[in-house]
Amino acid sequence: MAGFPTNGQSFYLARAVLNPPTSLCKKLFPAIGEWHDRLAAKELSPGDPIQPNVAENAFVQMIMMFRKTFIQDSALMKELHPCYPIWQHLIFSDPAYLSFKR
């Protein structure tokens, strides 16, 4: 809530209404989708590195939310800080990203 009123008023994030394409989100942390699906289907075996629990499920959901938020925020951040090396990553020249950025 940093910077927003705490007196019970609502707040508004303009970027939150713009959803990046799912295909673009899947390019960030691509394995998280597989883990999400496996956890939802309970297809883990005892040898898997993670086991379904509240913390693990919350972590997977958080990563899925972060990739969407990262793409949303990157459009503005790229304009504010155009020299950052991260902008050289292929995702930022992807046609889906360029279309979303507009």
N, C-alpha and C. Protein backbone atom coordinates (compact mmCIF):
# COMPACT_ATOMS: atom_id res chain seq x y z
N MET A 1 0.82 -1.19 0.00
CA MET A 1 0.00 0.00 0.00
C MET A 1 0.87 1.26 0.00
N ALA A 2 2.15 1.12 -0.23
CA ALA A 2 3.06 2.26 -0.17
C ALA A 2 2.56 3.40 -1.04
N GLY A 3 2.39 4.55 -0.42
CA GLY A 3 1.97 5.73 -1.16
C GLY A 3 0.48 5.87 -1.33
N PHE A 4 -0.31 4.90 -0.90
CA PHE A 4 -1.76 4.97 -1.04
C PHE A 4 -2.38 5.28 0.32
N PRO A 5 -3.52 5.92 0.32
CA PRO A 5 -4.17 6.24 1.60
C PRO A 5 -4.51 4.98 2.39
N THR A 6 -4.38 5.06 3.69
CA THR A 6 -4.69 3.90 4.53
C THR A 6 -5.97 4.12 5.32
N ASN A 7 -6.74 5.13 4.96
CA ASN A 7 -7.96 5.44 5.70
C ASN A 7 -9.18 4.72 5.13
N GLY A 8 -8.99 3.58 4.53
CA GLY A 8 -10.11 2.80 4.03
C GLY A 8 -10.50 3.11 2.59
N GLN A 9 -9.86 4.11 2.00
CA GLN A 9 -10.17 4.42 0.61
C GLN A 9 -9.53 3.38 -0.30
N SER A 10 -10.13 3.18 -1.44
CA SER A 10 -9.56 2.23 -2.38
C SER A 10 -8.44 2.91 -3.16
N PHE A 11 -7.67 2.11 -3.83
CA PHE A 11 -6.61 2.64 -4.67
C PHE A 11 -6.72 2.03 -6.06
N TYR A 12 -6.02 2.63 -7.00
CA TYR A 12 -6.15 2.23 -8.39
C TYR A 12 -4.76 2.12 -9.01
N LEU A 13 -4.47 1.01 -9.63
CA LEU A 13 -3.24 0.82 -10.38
C LEU A 13 -3.60 0.69 -11.85
N ALA A 14 -3.21 1.68 -12.63
CA ALA A 14 -3.58 1.69 -14.05
C ALA A 14 -3.11 0.44 -14.77
N ARG A 15 -1.91 -0.03 -14.45
CA ARG A 15 -1.38 -1.20 -15.15
C ARG A 15 -2.17 -2.47 -14.88
N ALA A 16 -2.89 -2.50 -13.78
CA ALA A 16 -3.61 -3.72 -13.40
C ALA A 16 -4.76 -4.05 -14.35
N VAL A 17 -5.24 -3.08 -15.10
CA VAL A 17 -6.34 -3.35 -16.02
C VAL A 17 -5.85 -3.89 -17.36
N LEU A 18 -4.55 -3.81 -17.60
CA LEU A 18 -3.98 -4.31 -18.86
C LEU A 18 -3.33 -5.66 -18.61
N ASN A 19 -3.92 -6.69 -19.16
CA ASN A 19 -3.38 -8.03 -19.00
C ASN A 19 -2.50 -8.39 -20.18
N PRO A 20 -1.24 -8.73 -19.92
CA PRO A 20 -0.38 -9.16 -21.02
C PRO A 20 -0.86 -10.49 -21.57
N PRO A 21 -0.55 -10.78 -22.82
CA PRO A 21 -0.96 -12.05 -23.40
C PRO A 21 -0.40 -13.23 -22.60
N THR A 22 -1.19 -14.26 -22.47
CA THR A 22 -0.77 -15.46 -21.74
C THR A 22 0.48 -16.05 -22.37
N SER A 23 0.56 -16.02 -23.69
CA SER A 23 1.74 -16.57 -24.38
C SER A 23 3.00 -15.84 -23.96
N LEU A 24 2.90 -14.56 -23.71
CA LEU A 24 4.05 -13.77 -23.28
C LEU A 24 4.41 -14.10 -21.83
N CYS A 25 3.42 -14.20 -20.97
CA CYS A 25 3.66 -14.55 -19.57
C CYS A 25 4.36 -15.89 -19.45
N LYS A 26 3.99 -16.83 -20.30
CA LYS A 26 4.57 -18.17 -20.24
C LYS A 26 6.05 -18.19 -20.60
N LYS A 27 6.54 -17.12 -21.19
CA LYS A 27 7.96 -17.05 -21.54
C LYS A 27 8.82 -16.64 -20.34
N LEU A 28 8.21 -16.11 -19.31
CA LEU A 28 8.91 -15.81 -18.05
C LEU A 28 8.64 -16.94 -17.09
N PHE A 29 9.66 -17.46 -16.47
CA PHE A 29 9.52 -18.60 -15.57
C PHE A 29 8.69 -19.71 -16.24
N PRO A 30 9.12 -20.20 -17.40
CA PRO A 30 8.29 -21.14 -18.15
C PRO A 30 7.96 -22.43 -17.39
N ALA A 31 8.81 -22.87 -16.50
CA ALA A 31 8.55 -24.13 -15.79
C ALA A 31 7.45 -23.98 -14.74
N ILE A 32 7.14 -22.77 -14.33
CA ILE A 32 6.16 -22.60 -13.25
C ILE A 32 4.77 -23.08 -13.69
N GLY A 33 4.46 -22.95 -14.96
CA GLY A 33 3.17 -23.45 -15.46
C GLY A 33 3.06 -24.95 -15.32
N GLU A 34 4.14 -25.66 -15.61
CA GLU A 34 4.15 -27.12 -15.46
C GLU A 34 3.97 -27.51 -14.00
N TRP A 35 4.68 -26.83 -13.09
CA TRP A 35 4.53 -27.14 -11.67
C TRP A 35 3.12 -26.83 -11.20
N HIS A 36 2.56 -25.75 -11.67
CA HIS A 36 1.18 -25.39 -11.29
C HIS A 36 0.22 -26.50 -11.71
N ASP A 37 0.36 -26.94 -12.95
CA ASP A 37 -0.53 -27.99 -13.47
C ASP A 37 -0.34 -29.31 -12.71
N ARG A 38 0.91 -29.66 -12.42
CA ARG A 38 1.17 -30.90 -11.71
C ARG A 38 0.63 -30.85 -10.29
N LEU A 39 0.76 -29.71 -9.65
CA LEU A 39 0.23 -29.58 -8.29
C LEU A 39 -1.29 -29.63 -8.29
N ALA A 40 -1.89 -28.96 -9.27
CA ALA A 40 -3.35 -28.96 -9.35
C ALA A 40 -3.89 -30.37 -9.59
N ALA A 41 -3.16 -31.14 -10.39
CA ALA A 41 -3.59 -32.51 -10.69
C ALA A 41 -3.08 -33.52 -9.65
N LYS A 42 -2.29 -33.03 -8.71
CA LYS A 42 -1.69 -33.89 -7.67
C LYS A 42 -0.91 -35.04 -8.30
N GLU A 43 -0.10 -34.71 -9.31
CA GLU A 43 0.68 -35.70 -10.02
C GLU A 43 2.13 -35.74 -9.57
N LEU A 44 2.39 -35.43 -8.33
CA LEU A 44 3.75 -35.48 -7.82
C LEU A 44 4.03 -36.83 -7.20
N SER A 45 5.26 -37.26 -7.33
CA SER A 45 5.66 -38.52 -6.72
C SER A 45 6.58 -38.21 -5.54
N PRO A 46 6.82 -39.19 -4.67
CA PRO A 46 7.67 -38.94 -3.51
C PRO A 46 9.08 -38.44 -3.86
N GLY A 47 9.56 -38.70 -5.05
CA GLY A 47 10.90 -38.27 -5.43
C GLY A 47 10.97 -36.85 -5.97
N ASP A 48 9.83 -36.20 -6.18
CA ASP A 48 9.84 -34.83 -6.71
C ASP A 48 10.48 -33.88 -5.71
N PRO A 49 11.15 -32.84 -6.21
CA PRO A 49 11.83 -31.91 -5.30
C PRO A 49 10.88 -31.07 -4.46
N ILE A 50 9.63 -30.96 -4.83
CA ILE A 50 8.66 -30.23 -4.01
C ILE A 50 7.46 -31.11 -3.76
N GLN A 51 6.79 -30.84 -2.69
CA GLN A 51 5.57 -31.56 -2.34
C GLN A 51 4.46 -30.55 -2.13
N PRO A 52 3.22 -30.91 -2.47
CA PRO A 52 2.13 -29.94 -2.33
C PRO A 52 1.87 -29.59 -0.86
N ASN A 53 1.90 -28.32 -0.57
CA ASN A 53 1.53 -27.82 0.74
C ASN A 53 1.11 -26.37 0.57
N VAL A 54 0.66 -25.74 1.61
CA VAL A 54 0.15 -24.38 1.52
C VAL A 54 1.24 -23.42 1.03
N ALA A 55 2.44 -23.52 1.58
CA ALA A 55 3.53 -22.61 1.21
C ALA A 55 3.92 -22.80 -0.25
N GLU A 56 4.02 -24.04 -0.68
CA GLU A 56 4.43 -24.30 -2.06
C GLU A 56 3.38 -23.79 -3.04
N ASN A 57 2.12 -24.04 -2.75
CA ASN A 57 1.05 -23.55 -3.63
C ASN A 57 1.05 -22.03 -3.69
N ALA A 58 1.25 -21.39 -2.55
CA ALA A 58 1.29 -19.92 -2.51
C ALA A 58 2.49 -19.40 -3.30
N PHE A 59 3.63 -20.08 -3.22
CA PHE A 59 4.82 -19.66 -3.96
C PHE A 59 4.58 -19.74 -5.46
N VAL A 60 3.99 -20.82 -5.91
CA VAL A 60 3.70 -20.98 -7.35
C VAL A 60 2.75 -19.87 -7.81
N GLN A 61 1.72 -19.60 -7.03
CA GLN A 61 0.78 -18.53 -7.38
C GLN A 61 1.48 -17.17 -7.42
N MET A 62 2.38 -16.94 -6.47
CA MET A 62 3.11 -15.68 -6.42
C MET A 62 3.99 -15.50 -7.66
N ILE A 63 4.70 -16.53 -8.06
CA ILE A 63 5.55 -16.44 -9.25
C ILE A 63 4.70 -16.17 -10.48
N MET A 64 3.55 -16.80 -10.57
CA MET A 64 2.66 -16.57 -11.71
C MET A 64 2.16 -15.12 -11.72
N MET A 65 1.89 -14.57 -10.55
CA MET A 65 1.46 -13.19 -10.45
C MET A 65 2.62 -12.25 -10.78
N PHE A 66 3.83 -12.57 -10.31
CA PHE A 66 5.00 -11.73 -10.56
C PHE A 66 5.32 -11.62 -12.05
N ARG A 67 5.17 -12.71 -12.78
CA ARG A 67 5.52 -12.62 -14.20
C ARG A 67 4.56 -11.68 -14.93
N LYS A 68 3.29 -11.71 -14.56
CA LYS A 68 2.33 -10.78 -15.15
C LYS A 68 2.66 -9.34 -14.74
N THR A 69 2.92 -9.12 -13.46
CA THR A 69 3.24 -7.79 -12.96
C THR A 69 4.53 -7.27 -13.57
N PHE A 70 5.51 -8.14 -13.72
CA PHE A 70 6.79 -7.73 -14.31
C PHE A 70 6.60 -7.22 -15.73
N ILE A 71 5.82 -7.92 -16.51
CA ILE A 71 5.57 -7.49 -17.89
C ILE A 71 4.81 -6.17 -17.89
N GLN A 72 3.81 -6.05 -17.04
CA GLN A 72 3.05 -4.80 -16.96
C GLN A 72 3.96 -3.63 -16.59
N ASP A 73 4.78 -3.80 -15.58
CA ASP A 73 5.65 -2.72 -15.12
C ASP A 73 6.80 -2.44 -16.06
N SER A 74 7.24 -3.44 -16.80
CA SER A 74 8.40 -3.26 -17.67
C SER A 74 8.16 -2.23 -18.77
N ALA A 75 6.93 -2.09 -19.22
CA ALA A 75 6.65 -1.13 -20.28
C ALA A 75 7.03 0.28 -19.85
N LEU A 76 6.68 0.66 -18.64
CA LEU A 76 7.05 1.98 -18.13
C LEU A 76 8.51 2.03 -17.71
N MET A 77 8.99 0.98 -17.06
CA MET A 77 10.38 0.96 -16.59
C MET A 77 11.36 1.05 -17.75
N LYS A 78 11.01 0.46 -18.86
CA LYS A 78 11.89 0.50 -20.03
C LYS A 78 12.04 1.93 -20.53
N GLU A 79 10.97 2.70 -20.45
CA GLU A 79 11.05 4.11 -20.86
C GLU A 79 11.82 4.94 -19.85
N LEU A 80 11.65 4.65 -18.57
CA LEU A 80 12.33 5.42 -17.52
C LEU A 80 13.82 5.10 -17.43
N HIS A 81 14.18 3.85 -17.70
CA HIS A 81 15.56 3.39 -17.57
C HIS A 81 15.97 2.60 -18.81
N PRO A 82 16.09 3.26 -19.96
CA PRO A 82 16.35 2.54 -21.21
C PRO A 82 17.72 1.87 -21.31
N CYS A 83 18.65 2.22 -20.45
CA CYS A 83 20.01 1.66 -20.54
C CYS A 83 20.20 0.38 -19.73
N TYR A 84 19.20 -0.05 -19.00
CA TYR A 84 19.36 -1.28 -18.21
C TYR A 84 19.61 -2.46 -19.13
N PRO A 85 20.59 -3.29 -18.81
CA PRO A 85 20.91 -4.45 -19.66
C PRO A 85 19.77 -5.45 -19.82
N ILE A 86 18.86 -5.50 -18.87
CA ILE A 86 17.77 -6.48 -18.94
C ILE A 86 16.93 -6.29 -20.21
N TRP A 87 16.86 -5.08 -20.71
CA TRP A 87 16.02 -4.81 -21.88
C TRP A 87 16.57 -5.45 -23.15
N GLN A 88 17.78 -6.02 -23.06
CA GLN A 88 18.36 -6.73 -24.20
C GLN A 88 17.82 -8.15 -24.33
N HIS A 89 17.11 -8.61 -23.31
CA HIS A 89 16.56 -9.97 -23.34
C HIS A 89 15.57 -10.10 -24.50
N LEU A 90 15.52 -11.27 -25.08
CA LEU A 90 14.68 -11.51 -26.25
C LEU A 90 13.20 -11.24 -26.03
N ILE A 91 12.72 -11.41 -24.81
CA ILE A 91 11.30 -11.21 -24.55
C ILE A 91 10.86 -9.78 -24.88
N PHE A 92 11.78 -8.82 -24.73
CA PHE A 92 11.42 -7.43 -24.95
C PHE A 92 11.44 -7.02 -26.43
N SER A 93 11.84 -7.94 -27.29
CA SER A 93 11.73 -7.71 -28.72
C SER A 93 10.69 -8.63 -29.35
N ASP A 94 10.04 -9.42 -28.53
CA ASP A 94 8.98 -10.32 -28.97
C ASP A 94 7.81 -9.50 -29.53
N PRO A 95 7.25 -9.88 -30.67
CA PRO A 95 6.11 -9.13 -31.22
C PRO A 95 4.93 -9.00 -30.24
N ALA A 96 4.69 -10.03 -29.43
CA ALA A 96 3.60 -9.95 -28.46
C ALA A 96 3.89 -8.88 -27.41
N TYR A 97 5.15 -8.76 -27.00
CA TYR A 97 5.51 -7.73 -26.02
C TYR A 97 5.40 -6.34 -26.64
N LEU A 98 5.91 -6.19 -27.84
CA LEU A 98 5.86 -4.88 -28.51
C LEU A 98 4.42 -4.43 -28.72
N SER A 99 3.54 -5.36 -29.05
CA SER A 99 2.13 -5.04 -29.21
C SER A 99 1.51 -4.66 -27.86
N PHE A 100 1.86 -5.41 -26.81
CA PHE A 100 1.32 -5.10 -25.48
C PHE A 100 1.82 -3.74 -25.00
N LYS A 101 3.06 -3.44 -25.27
CA LYS A 101 3.66 -2.19 -24.79
C LYS A 101 2.95 -0.96 -25.36
N ARG A 102 2.46 -1.08 -26.57
CA ARG A 102 1.76 0.05 -27.20
C ARG A 102 0.47 0.30 -26.46
